[in-house]
């Protein structure tokens, strides 16, 4: 059953949480995705079978939470994640970030490292608004953002187009994690498919090179796409969680 959290910023976040042993698992979804996706639901079932605490939620403007997607930005969604982590979990957690959720997880790790036991990134996409999304727009689309404050672009994963705003890009620069020191004093596992058309394989390599982390491993899966939701890929996610749980 869906529950709701009212945040200090006045946003109403939909979530599913069940209690269990720690460290608990917090799933952080991707850009314009929601907590009902394959990975989130599969991981909840897996965690429940393990007797492990688990939390999945929708950022504001996503899924069943309040707000409009186009009004949000990376900083807002990171605030949502911080609020959920603080209000709905106890002790250090294992953050599992998918795509944009990987960026959000890194922001949480920077801002509240004492609450992070370990981190699993699934096609993690830090700084994507600056490094891939903006360069991927045509000159006309970039001018539309600057002139009109937003542009609509096709979404390969959904019938709804992406509404990309000037605020999204400006805030994305402020939330960068690959341009300033990034200490991660806990175990980190990065999972990446070689057939991912949204996040290139050089992204996790750049993250590995940039971060200061004593226990970081990258697994490349030949042929896996951005969804990373096949039974084999989901098993790898569960194994990564177990690794950081034992190592942390």
Protein backbone atom coordinates (compact mmCIF):
# COMPACT_ATOMS: atom_id res chain seq x y z
CA UNK A 1 0.00 0.00 0.00
CA UNK A 2 1.34 3.43 -0.96
CA UNK A 3 2.18 5.80 1.89
CA UNK A 4 3.09 9.49 1.67
CA UNK A 5 5.78 11.70 3.20
CA UNK A 6 5.38 15.46 3.47
CA UNK A 7 8.76 17.15 3.10
CA UNK A 8 9.99 20.44 4.54
CA UNK A 9 9.81 21.89 1.02
CA UNK A 10 6.08 21.16 0.86
CA UNK A 11 6.35 18.21 -1.50
CA UNK A 12 4.32 15.01 -1.02
CA UNK A 13 6.36 11.90 -1.80
CA UNK A 14 4.76 8.53 -2.46
CA UNK A 15 6.69 5.54 -1.11
CA UNK A 16 6.69 1.86 -0.23
CA UNK A 17 8.70 0.76 2.79
CA UNK A 18 8.99 -2.39 4.80
CA UNK A 19 11.00 -2.98 7.93
CA UNK A 20 13.70 -5.60 8.29
CA UNK A 21 17.31 -6.15 9.16
CA UNK A 22 20.00 -3.68 8.21
CA UNK A 23 21.67 -2.29 6.42
CA UNK A 24 18.48 -1.49 4.55
CA UNK A 25 18.28 -0.91 0.81
CA UNK A 26 17.07 2.36 -0.71
CA UNK A 27 16.25 2.32 -4.43
CA UNK A 28 16.75 5.58 -6.31
CA UNK A 29 15.07 5.62 -9.70
CA UNK A 30 15.94 7.32 -12.95
CA UNK A 31 14.92 10.41 -14.87
CA UNK A 32 11.13 10.46 -15.44
CA UNK A 33 10.81 6.89 -14.12
CA UNK A 34 8.86 5.79 -11.07
CA UNK A 35 8.95 3.30 -8.22
CA UNK A 36 6.79 0.76 -10.03
CA UNK A 37 9.56 -0.15 -12.50
CA UNK A 38 10.91 -3.68 -12.89
CA UNK A 39 14.12 -3.17 -10.90
CA UNK A 40 12.44 -1.42 -7.97
CA UNK A 41 9.69 -4.02 -7.57
CA UNK A 42 12.04 -6.97 -8.10
CA UNK A 43 14.46 -5.62 -5.50
CA UNK A 44 11.65 -5.09 -3.02
CA UNK A 45 10.59 -8.73 -3.41
CA UNK A 46 14.22 -9.84 -3.08
CA UNK A 47 14.79 -7.73 0.05
CA UNK A 48 11.58 -9.00 1.62
CA UNK A 49 12.67 -12.60 1.01
CA UNK A 50 15.99 -11.75 2.68
CA UNK A 51 14.26 -10.12 5.66
CA UNK A 52 16.08 -6.89 4.77
CA UNK A 53 14.57 -3.40 5.15
CA UNK A 54 13.72 -1.75 1.83
CA UNK A 55 12.51 1.64 0.59
CA UNK A 56 11.40 2.76 -2.87
CA UNK A 57 9.77 6.12 -3.57
CA UNK A 58 8.84 8.60 -6.27
CA UNK A 59 10.65 11.91 -6.55
CA UNK A 60 8.40 14.95 -6.79
CA UNK A 61 6.94 15.24 -10.29
CA UNK A 62 7.37 11.48 -10.76
CA UNK A 63 4.88 8.64 -10.38
CA UNK A 64 2.40 9.16 -7.55
CA UNK A 65 4.22 12.04 -5.85
CA UNK A 66 3.05 15.65 -6.00
CA UNK A 67 4.22 18.25 -8.48
CA UNK A 68 4.91 18.47 -12.19
CA UNK A 69 7.96 16.82 -13.69
CA UNK A 70 8.94 19.91 -15.66
CA UNK A 71 9.04 22.02 -12.48
CA UNK A 72 11.72 19.82 -10.91
CA UNK A 73 15.48 19.54 -11.20
CA UNK A 74 18.35 17.41 -9.87
CA UNK A 75 18.68 19.48 -6.69
CA UNK A 76 14.97 19.11 -5.90
CA UNK A 77 15.08 15.36 -6.41
CA UNK A 78 18.20 15.07 -4.27
CA UNK A 79 16.33 16.98 -1.53
CA UNK A 80 13.47 14.49 -1.88
CA UNK A 81 15.89 11.58 -1.50
CA UNK A 82 17.51 13.15 1.56
CA UNK A 83 14.10 13.69 3.16
CA UNK A 84 13.10 10.09 2.49
CA UNK A 85 16.39 8.74 3.82
CA UNK A 86 16.19 10.81 7.00
CA UNK A 87 12.50 10.25 7.75
CA UNK A 88 11.92 6.67 6.63
CA UNK A 89 15.14 4.77 7.39
CA UNK A 90 17.39 4.18 10.37
CA UNK A 91 21.15 3.85 10.34
CA UNK A 92 23.45 3.49 7.34
CA UNK A 93 21.73 2.30 4.15
CA UNK A 94 22.77 0.71 0.87
CA UNK A 95 21.89 3.14 -1.90
CA UNK A 96 20.97 1.52 -5.23
CA UNK A 97 20.88 4.21 -7.88
CA UNK A 98 19.66 3.56 -11.42
CA UNK A 99 20.76 6.02 -14.13
CA UNK A 100 19.93 9.48 -12.70
CA UNK A 101 19.46 7.70 -9.37
CA UNK A 102 23.19 6.96 -9.45
CA UNK A 103 23.84 10.71 -9.55
CA UNK A 104 21.36 11.26 -6.71
CA UNK A 105 23.10 8.51 -4.70
CA UNK A 106 26.45 10.26 -5.14
CA UNK A 107 24.94 13.55 -3.97
CA UNK A 108 23.57 11.80 -0.87
CA UNK A 109 26.96 10.21 -0.27
CA UNK A 110 28.59 13.64 -0.39
CA UNK A 111 26.03 15.34 1.85
CA UNK A 112 25.32 12.62 4.43
CA UNK A 113 28.09 10.00 4.27
CA UNK A 114 27.35 8.71 7.78
CA UNK A 115 24.01 7.40 6.48
CA UNK A 116 25.57 5.41 3.63
CA UNK A 117 26.78 1.84 4.21
CA UNK A 118 27.52 1.22 0.54
CA UNK A 119 26.47 2.21 -2.97
CA UNK A 120 25.43 0.24 -6.05
CA UNK A 121 25.20 2.17 -9.31
CA UNK A 122 23.20 0.68 -12.21
CA UNK A 123 24.15 2.56 -15.40
CA UNK A 124 24.89 5.49 -13.09
CA UNK A 125 24.70 8.82 -14.91
CA UNK A 126 26.42 11.54 -12.86
CA UNK A 127 26.39 15.03 -14.41
CA UNK A 128 24.38 13.80 -17.41
CA UNK A 129 22.53 17.09 -17.95
CA UNK A 130 25.84 18.82 -18.61
CA UNK A 131 27.87 16.02 -20.18
CA UNK A 132 25.39 14.27 -22.48
CA UNK A 133 21.91 15.80 -22.47
CA UNK A 134 22.84 19.39 -23.36
CA UNK A 135 25.44 18.41 -26.00
CA UNK A 136 22.86 15.97 -27.41
CA UNK A 137 20.43 18.80 -28.23
CA UNK A 138 20.53 20.43 -31.62
CA UNK A 139 21.45 24.10 -31.91
CA UNK A 140 17.75 24.92 -32.46
CA UNK A 141 16.75 22.96 -29.33
CA UNK A 142 19.42 24.70 -27.26
CA UNK A 143 18.18 28.08 -28.48
CA UNK A 144 14.62 27.07 -27.57
CA UNK A 145 15.72 26.30 -23.99
CA UNK A 146 17.47 29.67 -23.73
CA UNK A 147 14.63 31.58 -25.41
CA UNK A 148 11.52 29.80 -24.10
CA UNK A 149 12.83 28.22 -20.93
CA UNK A 150 12.14 24.68 -22.10
CA UNK A 151 12.07 22.26 -25.01
CA UNK A 152 10.20 19.00 -25.65
CA UNK A 153 12.21 16.05 -26.93
CA UNK A 154 11.20 12.44 -27.73
CA UNK A 155 11.50 9.82 -25.00
CA UNK A 156 12.77 6.43 -26.19
CA UNK A 157 11.40 4.67 -23.07
CA UNK A 158 7.89 6.14 -22.88
CA UNK A 159 5.18 7.77 -25.00
CA UNK A 160 5.51 10.96 -22.97
CA UNK A 161 8.18 13.36 -24.28
CA UNK A 162 10.85 14.77 -22.02
CA UNK A 163 10.29 18.42 -21.10
CA UNK A 164 13.79 19.81 -20.56
CA UNK A 165 13.98 23.18 -18.85
CA UNK A 166 16.56 25.91 -18.46
CA UNK A 167 16.34 25.36 -14.69
CA UNK A 168 17.18 21.67 -15.13
CA UNK A 169 20.40 22.51 -16.96
CA UNK A 170 21.40 25.42 -14.71
CA UNK A 171 20.79 23.41 -11.55
CA UNK A 172 22.54 20.38 -13.05
CA UNK A 173 25.75 22.39 -13.25
CA UNK A 174 25.41 23.29 -9.57
CA UNK A 175 24.92 19.62 -8.62
CA UNK A 176 27.98 18.33 -10.47
CA UNK A 177 29.93 15.54 -8.75
CA UNK A 178 32.66 14.89 -11.34
CA UNK A 179 34.24 18.33 -11.23
CA UNK A 180 35.05 18.58 -7.52
CA UNK A 181 36.53 16.03 -5.07
CA UNK A 182 34.25 13.04 -4.44
CA UNK A 183 35.28 10.90 -1.46
CA UNK A 184 33.30 7.66 -1.11
CA UNK A 185 34.55 6.05 2.13
CA UNK A 186 32.49 2.87 1.73
CA UNK A 187 32.22 -0.01 -0.77
CA UNK A 188 30.90 0.89 -4.23
CA UNK A 189 29.84 -1.43 -7.06
CA UNK A 190 29.09 -0.08 -10.54
CA UNK A 191 27.14 -2.16 -13.05
CA UNK A 192 27.07 -1.17 -16.71
CA UNK A 193 25.80 -2.75 -19.93
CA UNK A 194 27.89 -2.49 -23.08
CA UNK A 195 24.76 -2.01 -25.22
CA UNK A 196 23.54 0.94 -23.15
CA UNK A 197 22.58 3.72 -25.58
CA UNK A 198 21.86 6.27 -22.82
CA UNK A 199 25.03 5.98 -20.71
CA UNK A 200 28.31 5.27 -22.48
CA UNK A 201 30.80 2.85 -20.92
CA UNK A 202 33.31 5.68 -20.45
CA UNK A 203 31.01 7.23 -17.80
CA UNK A 204 31.67 4.63 -15.06
CA UNK A 205 35.34 4.62 -16.05
CA UNK A 206 35.48 8.38 -15.55
CA UNK A 207 33.72 8.01 -12.21
CA UNK A 208 36.22 5.35 -11.13
CA UNK A 209 39.12 7.58 -12.09
CA UNK A 210 37.65 10.63 -10.37
CA UNK A 211 36.43 9.34 -7.04
CA UNK A 212 38.48 8.63 -3.93
CA UNK A 213 37.16 5.21 -2.90
CA UNK A 214 39.13 2.37 -1.26
CA UNK A 215 36.76 -0.37 -2.50
CA UNK A 216 35.24 0.31 -5.92
CA UNK A 217 34.60 -2.30 -8.62
CA UNK A 218 33.04 -2.00 -12.06
CA UNK A 219 31.24 -4.87 -13.81
CA UNK A 220 30.63 -4.52 -17.55
CA UNK A 221 27.93 -6.81 -18.92
CA UNK A 222 28.22 -7.57 -22.61
CA UNK A 223 24.98 -6.88 -24.48
CA UNK A 224 23.05 -5.46 -21.53
CA UNK A 225 21.06 -2.30 -22.32
CA UNK A 226 20.15 0.73 -20.21
CA UNK A 227 17.20 -0.98 -18.54
CA UNK A 228 19.51 -3.61 -17.00
CA UNK A 229 16.40 -5.62 -16.10
CA UNK A 230 16.97 -9.11 -17.47
CA UNK A 231 16.93 -11.93 -14.89
CA UNK A 232 20.72 -12.20 -15.20
CA UNK A 233 21.19 -8.46 -14.66
CA UNK A 234 18.84 -8.38 -11.67
CA UNK A 235 20.79 -11.24 -10.11
CA UNK A 236 23.98 -9.18 -10.53
CA UNK A 237 22.32 -6.26 -8.74
CA UNK A 238 21.39 -8.50 -5.80
CA UNK A 239 24.93 -9.90 -5.68
CA UNK A 240 26.36 -6.38 -5.65
CA UNK A 241 24.11 -5.44 -2.74
CA UNK A 242 25.27 -8.50 -0.82
CA UNK A 243 28.91 -7.62 -1.54
CA UNK A 244 28.69 -4.07 -0.22
CA UNK A 245 26.61 -5.26 2.71
CA UNK A 246 29.32 -7.71 3.74
CA UNK A 247 32.23 -5.37 2.97
CA UNK A 248 30.95 -2.21 4.61
